[in-house]
Amino acid sequence: MKHPARVEETILVNASAESVYRAVSDLRRMGEWSPECVGVWSRSQHFEAGTRFIGWNRRRLWFWFTSCSVVRAEKARDFAFSVHTFGMPVALWGYRFEDQDSGCLVTEYWVDLRTGRSAPAAKLLGLVFTGTPPKRRSAANREGMRATLARLKAVVERA
């Protein structure tokens, strides 16, 4: 069975789209809500389209880093970044924000970019670095997204 190329999860946050966007787009805070990302390093203090950064990740005993670049930074609407390892495309991670009467609908999405000629190597490296087999990656990301969004909601609503 082929794993899906895209996974999405959504949550309603009792805050404005602008305030949730502000929290998410400060990638240095990602470790506050992500169960996998433990930190981000960048020379830039502002994360806008074209900003490059290194993501530090951990899952159980596995620890790895990825090279990333912000690809979309549309204030209070959409924020996304691409992830690469050793120059090979791995994924696109992003967040959409929609103002609602009762707050902001936040959708986190992941698109698997491990396709084409580099896919077998990228999938093997994913297994080696994360301990997650390619067939489980979508399910693992869905679990992580649910945890991320719940933590994000708690942090933003507390502020």
Protein backbone atom coordinates (compact mmCIF):
# COMPACT_ATOMS: atom_id res chain seq x y z
CA MET A 1 0.00 0.00 0.00
CA LYS A 2 1.42 3.37 -1.02
CA HIS A 3 1.53 6.04 1.68
CA PRO A 4 -0.27 9.33 1.02
CA ALA A 5 1.84 12.17 -0.36
CA ARG A 6 0.02 14.74 1.79
CA VAL A 7 -1.27 14.87 5.36
CA GLU A 8 -3.27 17.67 7.02
CA GLU A 9 -4.63 18.30 10.51
CA THR A 10 -6.74 21.26 11.66
CA ILE A 11 -7.57 22.84 15.02
CA LEU A 12 -9.55 25.87 16.17
CA VAL A 13 -7.48 28.28 18.27
CA ASN A 14 -9.16 31.00 20.32
CA ALA A 15 -6.95 33.79 18.98
CA SER A 16 -6.65 35.90 15.85
CA ALA A 17 -5.02 34.54 12.70
CA GLU A 18 -2.40 37.27 13.04
CA SER A 19 -1.34 36.22 16.55
CA VAL A 20 -1.21 32.52 15.65
CA TYR A 21 0.75 33.33 12.48
CA ARG A 22 3.19 35.42 14.52
CA ALA A 23 3.85 32.48 16.85
CA VAL A 24 4.26 29.90 14.06
CA SER A 25 6.40 32.11 11.83
CA ASP A 26 8.93 32.60 14.64
CA LEU A 27 10.47 29.22 13.94
CA ARG A 28 12.81 29.53 16.92
CA ARG A 29 9.73 28.69 19.02
CA MET A 30 8.95 25.47 17.12
CA GLY A 31 10.46 23.36 19.91
CA GLU A 32 7.71 24.64 22.26
CA TRP A 33 5.03 22.73 20.40
CA SER A 34 6.61 20.20 18.07
CA PRO A 35 7.19 16.71 19.50
CA GLU A 36 9.98 16.17 16.95
CA CYS A 37 11.71 19.53 16.44
CA VAL A 38 13.92 20.45 19.39
CA GLY A 39 15.28 23.67 17.96
CA VAL A 40 15.97 25.88 14.98
CA TRP A 41 19.14 27.77 14.12
CA SER A 42 19.21 30.68 11.70
CA ARG A 43 21.32 33.77 11.19
CA SER A 44 18.11 35.70 10.65
CA GLN A 45 15.81 36.90 13.42
CA HIS A 46 12.88 37.17 10.97
CA PHE A 47 11.54 34.24 8.98
CA GLU A 48 10.29 35.38 5.58
CA ALA A 49 10.34 33.84 2.10
CA GLY A 50 13.92 32.86 1.29
CA THR A 51 15.13 32.63 4.90
CA ARG A 52 17.26 29.54 5.41
CA PHE A 53 17.56 27.67 8.69
CA ILE A 54 18.65 24.39 10.24
CA GLY A 55 16.07 22.29 12.04
CA TRP A 56 17.27 20.06 14.90
CA ASN A 57 15.05 17.06 15.49
CA ARG A 58 14.74 14.16 17.86
CA ARG A 59 12.51 11.09 17.97
CA ARG A 60 13.16 8.63 20.80
CA LEU A 61 16.86 7.66 20.42
CA TRP A 62 17.32 9.27 17.01
CA PHE A 63 18.69 12.79 16.56
CA TRP A 64 19.16 14.54 13.18
CA PHE A 65 19.20 17.89 11.45
CA THR A 66 17.70 19.19 8.22
CA SER A 67 18.38 22.14 5.94
CA CYS A 68 15.27 24.23 5.47
CA SER A 69 14.08 27.30 3.61
CA VAL A 70 10.94 29.40 4.06
CA VAL A 71 9.00 29.27 0.79
CA ARG A 72 5.83 31.16 1.78
CA ALA A 73 5.27 33.80 4.42
CA GLU A 74 1.88 35.39 3.78
CA LYS A 75 1.01 37.18 7.01
CA ALA A 76 -1.98 35.64 8.81
CA ARG A 77 -2.69 33.38 5.79
CA ASP A 78 0.04 30.84 4.98
CA PHE A 79 3.51 29.96 6.21
CA ALA A 80 5.52 27.11 4.69
CA PHE A 81 9.07 25.81 4.50
CA SER A 82 10.86 23.16 2.48
CA VAL A 83 13.08 20.53 4.10
CA HIS A 84 16.16 18.97 2.52
CA THR A 85 18.76 16.49 3.68
CA PHE A 86 22.14 16.28 1.99
CA GLY A 87 20.71 18.34 -0.87
CA MET A 88 17.78 15.98 -1.48
CA PRO A 89 14.20 17.23 -1.15
CA VAL A 90 12.35 15.63 1.75
CA ALA A 91 9.16 17.54 2.55
CA LEU A 92 7.15 20.72 2.53
CA TRP A 93 5.70 21.71 5.91
CA GLY A 94 3.19 24.50 6.22
CA TYR A 95 0.42 26.20 8.12
CA ARG A 96 -2.75 27.89 6.85
CA PHE A 97 -4.66 30.38 8.99
CA GLU A 98 -8.34 31.29 8.59
CA ASP A 99 -10.09 33.79 10.85
CA GLN A 100 -13.38 32.43 12.22
CA ASP A 101 -16.02 34.04 14.43
CA SER A 102 -14.69 32.04 17.38
CA GLY A 103 -10.96 32.32 16.65
CA CYS A 104 -8.59 31.01 14.01
CA LEU A 105 -8.72 27.74 12.14
CA VAL A 106 -5.12 26.49 11.86
CA THR A 107 -4.24 23.75 9.39
CA GLU A 108 -0.82 22.15 9.51
CA TYR A 109 0.14 20.30 6.34
CA TRP A 110 2.96 18.06 5.16
CA VAL A 111 3.77 17.11 1.58
CA ASP A 112 6.22 14.30 0.90
CA LEU A 113 8.79 15.54 -1.62
CA ARG A 114 10.82 12.32 -1.66
CA THR A 115 10.11 11.54 -5.30
CA GLY A 116 12.11 11.00 -8.46
CA ARG A 117 15.66 9.74 -8.69
CA SER A 118 16.66 10.75 -5.17
CA ALA A 119 13.60 9.17 -3.49
CA PRO A 120 15.17 5.82 -2.54
CA ALA A 121 18.19 7.52 -0.93
CA ALA A 122 16.02 10.13 0.83
CA LYS A 123 13.71 7.41 2.18
CA LEU A 124 16.67 5.34 3.41
CA LEU A 125 18.19 8.38 5.15
CA GLY A 126 14.79 9.10 6.69
CA LEU A 127 14.72 5.61 8.16
CA VAL A 128 18.32 5.83 9.40
CA PHE A 129 17.94 9.30 10.96
CA THR A 130 14.39 9.07 12.34
CA GLY A 131 13.86 5.37 12.92
CA THR A 132 10.54 5.66 11.09
CA PRO A 133 10.01 3.40 8.07
CA PRO A 134 8.74 5.20 4.95
CA LYS A 135 5.40 3.32 5.19
CA ARG A 136 4.86 4.82 8.68
CA ARG A 137 5.99 8.37 7.91
CA SER A 138 2.51 9.70 7.08
CA ALA A 139 0.98 8.18 10.22
CA ALA A 140 3.88 9.41 12.37
CA ASN A 141 3.52 12.91 10.94
CA ARG A 142 -0.24 12.89 11.55
CA GLU A 143 0.37 11.96 15.22
CA GLY A 144 3.01 14.69 15.47
CA MET A 145 0.73 17.26 13.88
CA ARG A 146 -2.04 16.55 16.38
CA ALA A 147 0.41 17.03 19.25
CA THR A 148 1.91 20.15 17.65
CA LEU A 149 -1.45 21.81 17.08
CA ALA A 150 -2.69 21.00 20.59
CA ARG A 151 0.49 22.48 22.12
CA LEU A 152 0.36 25.51 19.81
CA LYS A 153 -3.26 26.11 20.83
CA ALA A 154 -2.38 25.90 24.53
CA VAL A 155 0.58 28.28 24.23
CA VAL A 156 -1.21 30.89 22.07
CA GLU A 157 -4.42 30.83 24.11
CA ARG A 158 -2.43 31.26 27.34
CA ALA A 159 -0.64 34.35 25.99
